[in-house]
Amino acid sequence: MVTANCNHSDISTEKLSVLTLNLRFGLADDGDNSWPHRKHILPALFRNYPTDIVGLQEANDFQIAYMDHILADHEFIGKRSPAPRFWQNNIIFYKKTWKCVYHDHFFLSPTPDIPSRFRDSRWPRQCTIGMFAADDRKIICATTHFDFTETVQVNSARLILERLASLPPGVPVILMGDFNAAPSSSCHLIFTGEGVKNQPSNFKNVFKKPYPATYHGFTGRVGGQCIDWILYRGRIMAENCKVILDSFNGRYPSDHFPVYTSFRWCDAKH
């Protein structure tokens, strides 16, 4: 898969890998699938899929602490502090070979810089954005978790695009998360501009139709919707796009499948 801005002759051998995962609220009573019964399989997930940048959703403080322990070669941004005990964070873990040169954490609401939500949103939702630099490369990554109502999702998408618009336009962007919506949704259209001509800055989904299922409710079945996305724009190329269906000792890391993609750069440096 080659983006409109990246010809085969431009492609670098350098790679960047990302993974998005709704970690599943750690205080939920999920019986045998509750956090204490499944957290021990996460090291195996990241051994099998070593990743430069990880976007997490629904991460409680104690889950972040555990992930920080097992991802010892990563730093992280996005933790709200102080926060209520039940608070669910959107976290970006990034390898220490990268330096975070900018970060932004905001609420999906009319007042994004204070804890708040859109009126029709069931929960306070957030987005975390980081810009990372290594050598002469830069990448912008964002992780988010949308609410359920279509109008809230649309307003959330527009807000994220507004925040991204303040960042350097030449830097590639990767946007990942649990959008609680299929790629046929209005918010996906806002990000991708599908059917709208002459908008080269639009995002692309790493997958194409038929989109793979990402939510399974701890069943491992693949008949659900594709609600966890990795979108990207700029001079990078997506390859090895994968929904990770693996179980470990009969358990799954979450009620969502992890979604993994590796990218290669166009030769131009940013």
C-alpha atoms as a PDB file:
ATOM      1  CA  MET A   1       0.000   0.000   0.000  1.00  0.00           C
ATOM      2  CA  VAL A   2       1.570   3.313  -1.080  1.00  0.00           C
ATOM      3  CA  THR A   3       0.160   6.708  -0.214  1.00  0.00           C
ATOM      4  CA  ALA A   4      -0.567   9.302  -2.857  1.00  0.00           C
ATOM      5  CA  ASN A   5       2.465  11.238  -1.618  1.00  0.00           C
ATOM      6  CA  CYS A   6       4.934   8.343  -1.552  1.00  0.00           C
ATOM      7  CA  ASN A   7       6.171   6.723  -4.745  1.00  0.00           C
ATOM      8  CA  HIS A   8       7.877   3.328  -4.769  1.00  0.00           C
ATOM      9  CA  SER A   9      11.164   4.998  -5.729  1.00  0.00           C
ATOM     10  CA  ASP A  10      10.999   7.188  -2.605  1.00  0.00           C
ATOM     11  CA  ILE A  11      10.483   4.480  -0.002  1.00  0.00           C
ATOM     12  CA  SER A  12      13.014   4.247   2.838  1.00  0.00           C
ATOM     13  CA  THR A  13      14.070   0.997   4.476  1.00  0.00           C
ATOM     14  CA  GLU A  14      13.514   2.594   7.906  1.00  0.00           C
ATOM     15  CA  LYS A  15      10.425   1.328   9.715  1.00  0.00           C
ATOM     16  CA  LEU A  16       8.143   2.545  12.483  1.00  0.00           C
ATOM     17  CA  SER A  17       5.685   0.169  14.151  1.00  0.00           C
ATOM     18  CA  VAL A  18       2.540   1.137  16.061  1.00  0.00           C
ATOM     19  CA  LEU A  19      -0.103  -0.773  17.979  1.00  0.00           C
ATOM     20  CA  THR A  20      -3.456   0.373  19.333  1.00  0.00           C
ATOM     21  CA  LEU A  21      -5.357  -1.452  22.066  1.00  0.00           C
ATOM     22  CA  ASN A  22      -8.380  -0.716  24.182  1.00  0.00           C
ATOM     23  CA  LEU A  23      -6.947  -2.238  27.354  1.00  0.00           C
ATOM     24  CA  ARG A  24     -10.398  -2.726  28.927  1.00  0.00           C
ATOM     25  CA  PHE A  25     -11.243  -0.875  32.119  1.00  0.00           C
ATOM     26  CA  GLY A  26      -9.185  -2.520  34.855  1.00  0.00           C
ATOM     27  CA  LEU A  27     -11.864  -2.161  37.546  1.00  0.00           C
ATOM     28  CA  ALA A  28     -14.518  -3.984  35.497  1.00  0.00           C
ATOM     29  CA  ASP A  29     -15.832  -7.250  36.908  1.00  0.00           C
ATOM     30  CA  ASP A  30     -15.152  -9.485  33.934  1.00  0.00           C
ATOM     31  CA  GLY A  31     -14.895 -12.729  35.879  1.00  0.00           C
ATOM     32  CA  ASP A  32     -12.100 -14.893  34.504  1.00  0.00           C
ATOM     33  CA  ASN A  33     -11.232 -12.096  32.087  1.00  0.00           C
ATOM     34  CA  SER A  34     -10.785  -9.453  34.775  1.00  0.00           C
ATOM     35  CA  TRP A  35      -7.508  -7.558  34.762  1.00  0.00           C
ATOM     36  CA  PRO A  36      -5.742  -9.644  37.454  1.00  0.00           C
ATOM     37  CA  HIS A  37      -6.374 -12.800  35.376  1.00  0.00           C
ATOM     38  CA  ARG A  38      -5.130 -11.480  32.038  1.00  0.00           C
ATOM     39  CA  LYS A  39      -2.429  -8.898  32.701  1.00  0.00           C
ATOM     40  CA  HIS A  40       0.264 -11.609  32.809  1.00  0.00           C
ATOM     41  CA  ILE A  41      -0.235 -12.351  29.079  1.00  0.00           C
ATOM     42  CA  LEU A  42       0.610  -8.810  27.953  1.00  0.00           C
ATOM     43  CA  PRO A  43       4.400  -9.340  28.100  1.00  0.00           C
ATOM     44  CA  ALA A  44       3.973 -12.170  25.566  1.00  0.00           C
ATOM     45  CA  LEU A  45       1.949  -9.885  23.287  1.00  0.00           C
ATOM     46  CA  PHE A  46       4.737  -7.311  23.167  1.00  0.00           C
ATOM     47  CA  ARG A  47       7.461  -9.931  22.840  1.00  0.00           C
ATOM     48  CA  ASN A  48       5.665 -11.278  19.780  1.00  0.00           C
ATOM     49  CA  TYR A  49       4.906  -7.813  18.399  1.00  0.00           C
ATOM     50  CA  PRO A  50       7.692  -5.436  19.460  1.00  0.00           C
ATOM     51  CA  THR A  51       6.393  -1.969  18.797  1.00  0.00           C
ATOM     52  CA  ASP A  52       7.845   1.529  18.679  1.00  0.00           C
ATOM     53  CA  ILE A  53       4.661   3.369  19.665  1.00  0.00           C
ATOM     54  CA  VAL A  54       1.660   1.982  21.558  1.00  0.00           C
ATOM     55  CA  GLY A  55      -1.679   3.778  21.873  1.00  0.00           C
ATOM     56  CA  LEU A  56      -3.822   2.600  24.794  1.00  0.00           C
ATOM     57  CA  GLN A  57      -7.391   3.408  25.779  1.00  0.00           C
ATOM     58  CA  GLU A  58      -9.321   2.739  29.024  1.00  0.00           C
ATOM     59  CA  ALA A  59      -6.114   2.551  31.046  1.00  0.00           C
ATOM     60  CA  ASN A  60      -6.452   2.924  34.824  1.00  0.00           C
ATOM     61  CA  ASP A  61      -3.491   4.217  36.816  1.00  0.00           C
ATOM     62  CA  PHE A  62      -2.531   0.727  38.041  1.00  0.00           C
ATOM     63  CA  GLN A  63      -2.704  -0.599  34.478  1.00  0.00           C
ATOM     64  CA  ILE A  64      -0.411   2.202  33.332  1.00  0.00           C
ATOM     65  CA  ALA A  65       2.035   1.294  36.105  1.00  0.00           C
ATOM     66  CA  TYR A  66       2.028  -2.331  34.966  1.00  0.00           C
ATOM     67  CA  MET A  67       2.511  -1.383  31.314  1.00  0.00           C
ATOM     68  CA  ASP A  68       5.344   0.945  32.309  1.00  0.00           C
ATOM     69  CA  HIS A  69       6.990  -2.018  34.019  1.00  0.00           C
ATOM     70  CA  ILE A  70       6.721  -4.424  31.100  1.00  0.00           C
ATOM     71  CA  LEU A  71       7.531  -1.790  28.448  1.00  0.00           C
ATOM     72  CA  ALA A  72      10.782  -0.886  30.152  1.00  0.00           C
ATOM     73  CA  ASP A  73      12.321   0.527  26.975  1.00  0.00           C
ATOM     74  CA  HIS A  74       9.430   2.985  26.529  1.00  0.00           C
ATOM     75  CA  GLU A  75       8.330   6.276  28.061  1.00  0.00           C
ATOM     76  CA  PHE A  76       4.710   7.415  28.150  1.00  0.00           C
ATOM     77  CA  ILE A  77       2.500  10.501  27.975  1.00  0.00           C
ATOM     78  CA  GLY A  78      -1.201  11.123  28.557  1.00  0.00           C
ATOM     79  CA  LYS A  79      -1.813  10.256  32.218  1.00  0.00           C
ATOM     80  CA  ARG A  80      -4.168  12.618  33.986  1.00  0.00           C
ATOM     81  CA  SER A  81      -2.832  13.497  37.409  1.00  0.00           C
ATOM     82  CA  PRO A  82      -4.423  13.886  39.842  1.00  0.00           C
ATOM     83  CA  ALA A  83      -7.450  11.926  38.700  1.00  0.00           C
ATOM     84  CA  PRO A  84     -10.306   9.951  40.245  1.00  0.00           C
ATOM     85  CA  ARG A  85      -9.511   6.316  41.040  1.00  0.00           C
ATOM     86  CA  PHE A  86     -11.800   5.080  38.261  1.00  0.00           C
ATOM     87  CA  TRP A  87     -10.333   7.411  35.608  1.00  0.00           C
ATOM     88  CA  GLN A  88      -9.651   5.881  32.182  1.00  0.00           C
ATOM     89  CA  ASN A  89      -6.634   7.372  30.404  1.00  0.00           C
ATOM     90  CA  ASN A  90      -5.546   7.469  26.769  1.00  0.00           C
ATOM     91  CA  ILE A  91      -1.826   6.763  26.873  1.00  0.00           C
ATOM     92  CA  ILE A  92       0.975   6.789  24.311  1.00  0.00           C
ATOM     93  CA  PHE A  93       4.007   4.635  25.082  1.00  0.00           C
ATOM     94  CA  TYR A  94       6.994   5.425  22.874  1.00  0.00           C
ATOM     95  CA  LYS A  95      10.437   3.892  22.651  1.00  0.00           C
ATOM     96  CA  LYS A  96      13.187   5.759  24.435  1.00  0.00           C
ATOM     97  CA  THR A  97      15.045   6.084  21.147  1.00  0.00           C
ATOM     98  CA  TRP A  98      12.444   8.790  20.415  1.00  0.00           C
ATOM     99  CA  LYS A  99      12.180  12.101  22.226  1.00  0.00           C
ATOM    100  CA  CYS A 100       8.784  13.649  22.914  1.00  0.00           C
ATOM    101  CA  VAL A 101       9.142  17.250  21.725  1.00  0.00           C
ATOM    102  CA  TYR A 102       5.474  18.215  22.123  1.00  0.00           C
ATOM    103  CA  HIS A 103       2.473  16.720  23.862  1.00  0.00           C
ATOM    104  CA  ASP A 104      -1.177  17.683  24.245  1.00  0.00           C
ATOM    105  CA  HIS A 105      -3.920  16.111  26.329  1.00  0.00           C
ATOM    106  CA  PHE A 106      -7.447  17.458  25.987  1.00  0.00           C
ATOM    107  CA  PHE A 107     -11.064  16.551  26.502  1.00  0.00           C
ATOM    108  CA  LEU A 108     -13.499  15.954  23.672  1.00  0.00           C
ATOM    109  CA  SER A 109     -15.853  18.732  24.650  1.00  0.00           C
ATOM    110  CA  PRO A 110     -16.659  22.402  24.026  1.00  0.00           C
ATOM    111  CA  THR A 111     -14.075  23.254  26.730  1.00  0.00           C
ATOM    112  CA  PRO A 112     -11.256  20.832  25.878  1.00  0.00           C
ATOM    113  CA  ASP A 113      -8.675  22.184  28.294  1.00  0.00           C
ATOM    114  CA  ILE A 114     -10.686  21.424  31.435  1.00  0.00           C
ATOM    115  CA  PRO A 115     -12.250  18.097  32.472  1.00  0.00           C
ATOM    116  CA  SER A 116     -15.575  18.091  30.616  1.00  0.00           C
ATOM    117  CA  ARG A 117     -17.630  16.378  27.912  1.00  0.00           C
ATOM    118  CA  PHE A 118     -20.071  17.098  25.128  1.00  0.00           C
ATOM    119  CA  ARG A 119     -23.627  17.294  26.444  1.00  0.00           C
ATOM    120  CA  ASP A 120     -24.703  14.067  24.714  1.00  0.00           C
ATOM    121  CA  SER A 121     -21.562  12.140  25.605  1.00  0.00           C
ATOM    122  CA  ARG A 122     -22.079   9.329  28.091  1.00  0.00           C
ATOM    123  CA  TRP A 123     -18.559   9.653  29.481  1.00  0.00           C
ATOM    124  CA  PRO A 124     -15.818  12.293  29.503  1.00  0.00           C
ATOM    125  CA  ARG A 125     -13.659  11.389  26.505  1.00  0.00           C
ATOM    126  CA  GLN A 126     -10.120  12.499  25.733  1.00  0.00           C
ATOM    127  CA  CYS A 127      -7.341  12.580  23.194  1.00  0.00           C
ATOM    128  CA  THR A 128      -3.580  12.494  23.717  1.00  0.00           C
ATOM    129  CA  ILE A 129      -1.249  13.817  21.015  1.00  0.00           C
ATOM    130  CA  GLY A 130       2.533  13.616  20.959  1.00  0.00           C
ATOM    131  CA  MET A 131       5.173  14.734  18.488  1.00  0.00           C
ATOM    132  CA  PHE A 132       8.311  12.615  18.609  1.00  0.00           C
ATOM    133  CA  ALA A 133      11.765  13.139  17.155  1.00  0.00           C
ATOM    134  CA  ALA A 134      14.664  10.768  16.502  1.00  0.00           C
ATOM    135  CA  ASP A 135      17.717  11.775  14.507  1.00  0.00           C
ATOM    136  CA  ASP A 136      16.183  13.903  11.740  1.00  0.00           C
ATOM    137  CA  ARG A 137      12.792  12.155  11.713  1.00  0.00           C
ATOM    138  CA  LYS A 138       9.605  13.452  13.300  1.00  0.00           C
ATOM    139  CA  ILE A 139       6.230  11.782  13.720  1.00  0.00           C
ATOM    140  CA  ILE A 140       2.966  12.948  15.315  1.00  0.00           C
ATOM    141  CA  CYS A 141       0.867  10.273  17.022  1.00  0.00           C
ATOM    142  CA  ALA A 142      -2.537  10.551  18.662  1.00  0.00           C
ATOM    143  CA  THR A 143      -4.652   8.113  20.654  1.00  0.00           C
ATOM    144  CA  THR A 144      -8.313   8.663  21.452  1.00  0.00           C
ATOM    145  CA  HIS A 145     -11.525   6.974  22.574  1.00  0.00           C
ATOM    146  CA  PHE A 146     -14.836   8.204  21.151  1.00  0.00           C
ATOM    147  CA  ASP A 147     -18.249   8.114  22.761  1.00  0.00           C
ATOM    148  CA  PHE A 148     -21.287   6.454  21.150  1.00  0.00           C
ATOM    149  CA  THR A 149     -23.574   9.158  19.743  1.00  0.00           C
ATOM    150  CA  GLU A 150     -22.969  10.106  16.110  1.00  0.00           C
ATOM    151  CA  THR A 151     -23.132  13.865  16.692  1.00  0.00           C
ATOM    152  CA  VAL A 152     -20.623  13.558  19.546  1.00  0.00           C
ATOM    153  CA  GLN A 153     -18.315  11.493  17.345  1.00  0.00           C
ATOM    154  CA  VAL A 154     -18.523  14.072  14.561  1.00  0.00           C
ATOM    155  CA  ASN A 155     -17.769  16.940  16.944  1.00  0.00           C
ATOM    156  CA  SER A 156     -14.906  14.940  18.452  1.00  0.00           C
ATOM    157  CA  ALA A 157     -13.374  14.303  15.031  1.00  0.00           C
ATOM    158  CA  ARG A 158     -13.542  17.984  14.136  1.00  0.00           C
ATOM    159  CA  LEU A 159     -11.943  18.964  17.431  1.00  0.00           C
ATOM    160  CA  ILE A 160      -9.032  16.562  16.922  1.00  0.00           C
ATOM    161  CA  LEU A 161      -8.450  17.934  13.433  1.00  0.00           C
ATOM    162  CA  GLU A 162      -8.438  21.468  14.860  1.00  0.00           C
ATOM    163  CA  ARG A 163      -5.796  20.548  17.433  1.00  0.00           C
ATOM    164  CA  LEU A 164      -3.669  18.779  14.839  1.00  0.00           C
ATOM    165  CA  ALA A 165      -3.898  21.826  12.571  1.00  0.00           C
ATOM    166  CA  SER A 166      -1.720  23.784  15.020  1.00  0.00           C
ATOM    167  CA  LEU A 167       1.198  21.377  14.492  1.00  0.00           C
ATOM    168  CA  PRO A 168       3.795  21.506  11.695  1.00  0.00           C
ATOM    169  CA  PRO A 169       1.999  20.468   8.480  1.00  0.00           C
ATOM    170  CA  GLY A 170       4.938  18.578   6.997  1.00  0.00           C
ATOM    171  CA  VAL A 171       5.168  15.994   9.776  1.00  0.00           C
ATOM    172  CA  PRO A 172       3.383  12.661   9.162  1.00  0.00           C
ATOM    173  CA  VAL A 173       0.498  11.889  11.530  1.00  0.00           C
ATOM    174  CA  ILE A 174      -0.779   8.575  12.888  1.00  0.00           C
ATOM    175  CA  LEU A 175      -4.173   8.643  14.616  1.00  0.00           C
ATOM    176  CA  MET A 176      -5.320   5.525  16.438  1.00  0.00           C
ATOM    177  CA  GLY A 177      -7.878   4.461  18.972  1.00  0.00           C
ATOM    178  CA  ASP A 178     -11.291   3.042  19.772  1.00  0.00           C
ATOM    179  CA  PHE A 179     -13.781   5.115  17.803  1.00  0.00           C
ATOM    180  CA  ASN A 180     -16.900   3.107  18.743  1.00  0.00           C
ATOM    181  CA  ALA A 181     -17.911   3.431  15.093  1.00  0.00           C
ATOM    182  CA  ALA A 182     -17.417   1.523  11.847  1.00  0.00           C
ATOM    183  CA  PRO A 183     -15.489   2.926   8.877  1.00  0.00           C
ATOM    184  CA  SER A 184     -18.853   3.680   7.267  1.00  0.00           C
ATOM    185  CA  SER A 185     -19.528   6.273   9.977  1.00  0.00           C
ATOM    186  CA  SER A 186     -19.692  10.038   9.653  1.00  0.00           C
ATOM    187  CA  CYS A 187     -16.635  10.594  11.853  1.00  0.00           C
ATOM    188  CA  HIS A 188     -14.524   8.306   9.660  1.00  0.00           C
ATOM    189  CA  LEU A 189     -15.622  10.336   6.634  1.00  0.00           C
ATOM    190  CA  ILE A 190     -14.549  13.546   8.373  1.00  0.00           C
ATOM    191  CA  PHE A 191     -11.066  12.130   8.910  1.00  0.00           C
ATOM    192  CA  THR A 192     -10.670  10.536   5.498  1.00  0.00           C
ATOM    193  CA  GLY A 193     -12.763  12.808   3.266  1.00  0.00           C
ATOM    194  CA  GLU A 194     -13.672   9.786   1.147  1.00  0.00           C
ATOM    195  CA  GLY A 195     -15.341  10.955  -2.028  1.00  0.00           C
ATOM    196  CA  VAL A 196     -14.081  14.517  -1.559  1.00  0.00           C
ATOM    197  CA  LYS A 197     -11.581  15.584  -4.212  1.00  0.00           C
ATOM    198  CA  ASN A 198      -8.423  17.658  -3.858  1.00  0.00           C
ATOM    199  CA  GLN A 199      -7.842  17.166  -0.134  1.00  0.00           C
ATOM    200  CA  PRO A 200      -4.347  15.661   0.025  1.00  0.00           C
ATOM    201  CA  SER A 201      -4.090  16.073   3.804  1.00  0.00           C
ATOM    202  CA  ASN A 202      -6.907  13.593   4.453  1.00  0.00           C
ATOM    203  CA  PHE A 203      -6.215  10.517   6.552  1.00  0.00           C
ATOM    204  CA  LYS A 204      -6.182   6.999   5.161  1.00  0.00           C
ATOM    205  CA  ASN A 205      -7.224   3.865   7.023  1.00  0.00           C
ATOM    206  CA  VAL A 206      -4.524   1.197   7.050  1.00  0.00           C
ATOM    207  CA  PHE A 207      -7.241  -1.318   6.087  1.00  0.00           C
ATOM    208  CA  LYS A 208      -9.579  -1.405   3.119  1.00  0.00           C
ATOM    209  CA  LYS A 209     -12.979  -3.037   2.637  1.00  0.00           C
ATOM    210  CA  PRO A 210     -13.951  -5.511   3.908  1.00  0.00           C
ATOM    211  CA  TYR A 211     -12.715  -4.044   7.181  1.00  0.00           C
ATOM    212  CA  PRO A 212     -11.660  -6.640   9.779  1.00  0.00           C
ATOM    213  CA  ALA A 213     -13.433  -7.018  13.107  1.00  0.00           C
ATOM    214  CA  THR A 214     -11.639  -5.582  16.138  1.00  0.00           C
ATOM    215  CA  TYR A 215     -14.170  -6.012  18.970  1.00  0.00           C
ATOM    216  CA  HIS A 216     -14.868  -9.542  20.234  1.00  0.00           C
ATOM    217  CA  GLY A 217     -15.977  -9.267  23.884  1.00  0.00           C
ATOM    218  CA  PHE A 218     -13.404 -11.826  25.083  1.00  0.00           C
ATOM    219  CA  THR A 219     -14.856 -14.479  22.748  1.00  0.00           C
ATOM    220  CA  GLY A 220     -12.147 -14.468  20.075  1.00  0.00           C
ATOM    221  CA  ARG A 221     -14.823 -14.410  17.381  1.00  0.00           C
ATOM    222  CA  VAL A 222     -14.173 -12.260  14.327  1.00  0.00           C
ATOM    223  CA  GLY A 223     -17.732 -11.315  13.416  1.00  0.00           C
ATOM    224  CA  GLY A 224     -17.810  -7.937  15.138  1.00  0.00           C
ATOM    225  CA  GLN A 225     -17.303  -4.443  13.781  1.00  0.00           C
ATOM    226  CA  CYS A 226     -14.082  -2.639  12.960  1.00  0.00           C
ATOM    227  CA  ILE A 227     -14.195   0.064  15.647  1.00  0.00           C
ATOM    228  CA  ASP A 228     -10.459   0.275  16.413  1.00  0.00           C
ATOM    229  CA  TRP A 229      -8.655   2.167  13.672  1.00  0.00           C
ATOM    230  CA  ILE A 230      -5.187   3.234  12.672  1.00  0.00           C
ATOM    231  CA  LEU A 231      -5.370   6.240  10.347  1.00  0.00           C
ATOM    232  CA  TYR A 232      -2.404   8.044   8.825  1.00  0.00           C
ATOM    233  CA  ARG A 233      -1.408  10.885   6.548  1.00  0.00           C
ATOM    234  CA  GLY A 234       1.803  12.364   5.219  1.00  0.00           C
ATOM    235  CA  ARG A 235       4.899  10.871   3.655  1.00  0.00           C
ATOM    236  CA  ILE A 236       4.776   7.434   5.206  1.00  0.00           C
ATOM    237  CA  MET A 237       3.673   4.096   3.794  1.00  0.00           C
ATOM    238  CA  ALA A 238       1.615   1.507   5.696  1.00  0.00           C
ATOM    239  CA  GLU A 239       2.551  -2.152   5.432  1.00  0.00           C
ATOM    240  CA  ASN A 240       2.066  -5.327   7.465  1.00  0.00           C
ATOM    241  CA  CYS A 241      -1.339  -4.178   8.736  1.00  0.00           C
ATOM    242  CA  LYS A 242      -2.688  -6.766  11.148  1.00  0.00           C
ATOM    243  CA  VAL A 243      -5.481  -7.375  13.631  1.00  0.00           C
ATOM    244  CA  ILE A 244      -3.816  -9.563  16.265  1.00  0.00           C
ATOM    245  CA  LEU A 245      -6.153 -12.488  16.931  1.00  0.00           C
ATOM    246  CA  ASP A 246      -3.707 -14.346  19.174  1.00  0.00           C
ATOM    247  CA  SER A 247      -4.732 -15.786  22.503  1.00  0.00           C
ATOM    248  CA  PHE A 248      -2.195 -16.640  25.175  1.00  0.00           C
ATOM    249  CA  ASN A 249      -2.811 -19.650  27.383  1.00  0.00           C
ATOM    250  CA  GLY A 250      -6.466 -19.494  26.364  1.00  0.00           C
ATOM    251  CA  ARG A 251      -6.898 -15.828  27.255  1.00  0.00           C
ATOM    252  CA  TYR A 252      -7.042 -12.626  25.275  1.00  0.00           C
ATOM    253  CA  PRO A 253      -5.301  -9.373  26.250  1.00  0.00           C
ATOM    254  CA  SER A 254      -8.613  -7.464  26.104  1.00  0.00           C
ATOM    255  CA  ASP A 255     -12.163  -7.559  24.799  1.00  0.00           C
ATOM    256  CA  HIS A 256     -10.755  -5.747  21.740  1.00  0.00           C
ATOM    257  CA  PHE A 257      -8.174  -7.255  19.427  1.00  0.00           C
ATOM    258  CA  PRO A 258      -4.935  -5.254  19.224  1.00  0.00           C
ATOM    259  CA  VAL A 259      -4.347  -3.592  15.849  1.00  0.00           C
ATOM    260  CA  TYR A 260      -0.772  -3.414  14.567  1.00  0.00           C
ATOM    261  CA  THR A 261       0.819  -1.654  11.601  1.00  0.00           C
ATOM    262  CA  SER A 262       4.363  -0.983  10.493  1.00  0.00           C
ATOM    263  CA  PHE A 263       5.191   2.060   8.392  1.00  0.00           C
ATOM    264  CA  ARG A 264       8.058   2.966   6.145  1.00  0.00           C
ATOM    265  CA  TRP A 265       9.170   6.504   5.426  1.00  0.00           C
ATOM    266  CA  CYS A 266       9.487   8.292   2.157  1.00  0.00           C
ATOM    267  CA  ASP A 267      13.085   9.411   1.791  1.00  0.00           C
ATOM    268  CA  ALA A 268      12.308  13.057   2.530  1.00  0.00           C
ATOM    269  CA  LYS A 269      13.263  13.956   6.095  1.00  0.00           C
ATOM    270  CA  HIS A 270      11.030  16.035   8.380  1.00  0.00           C
END
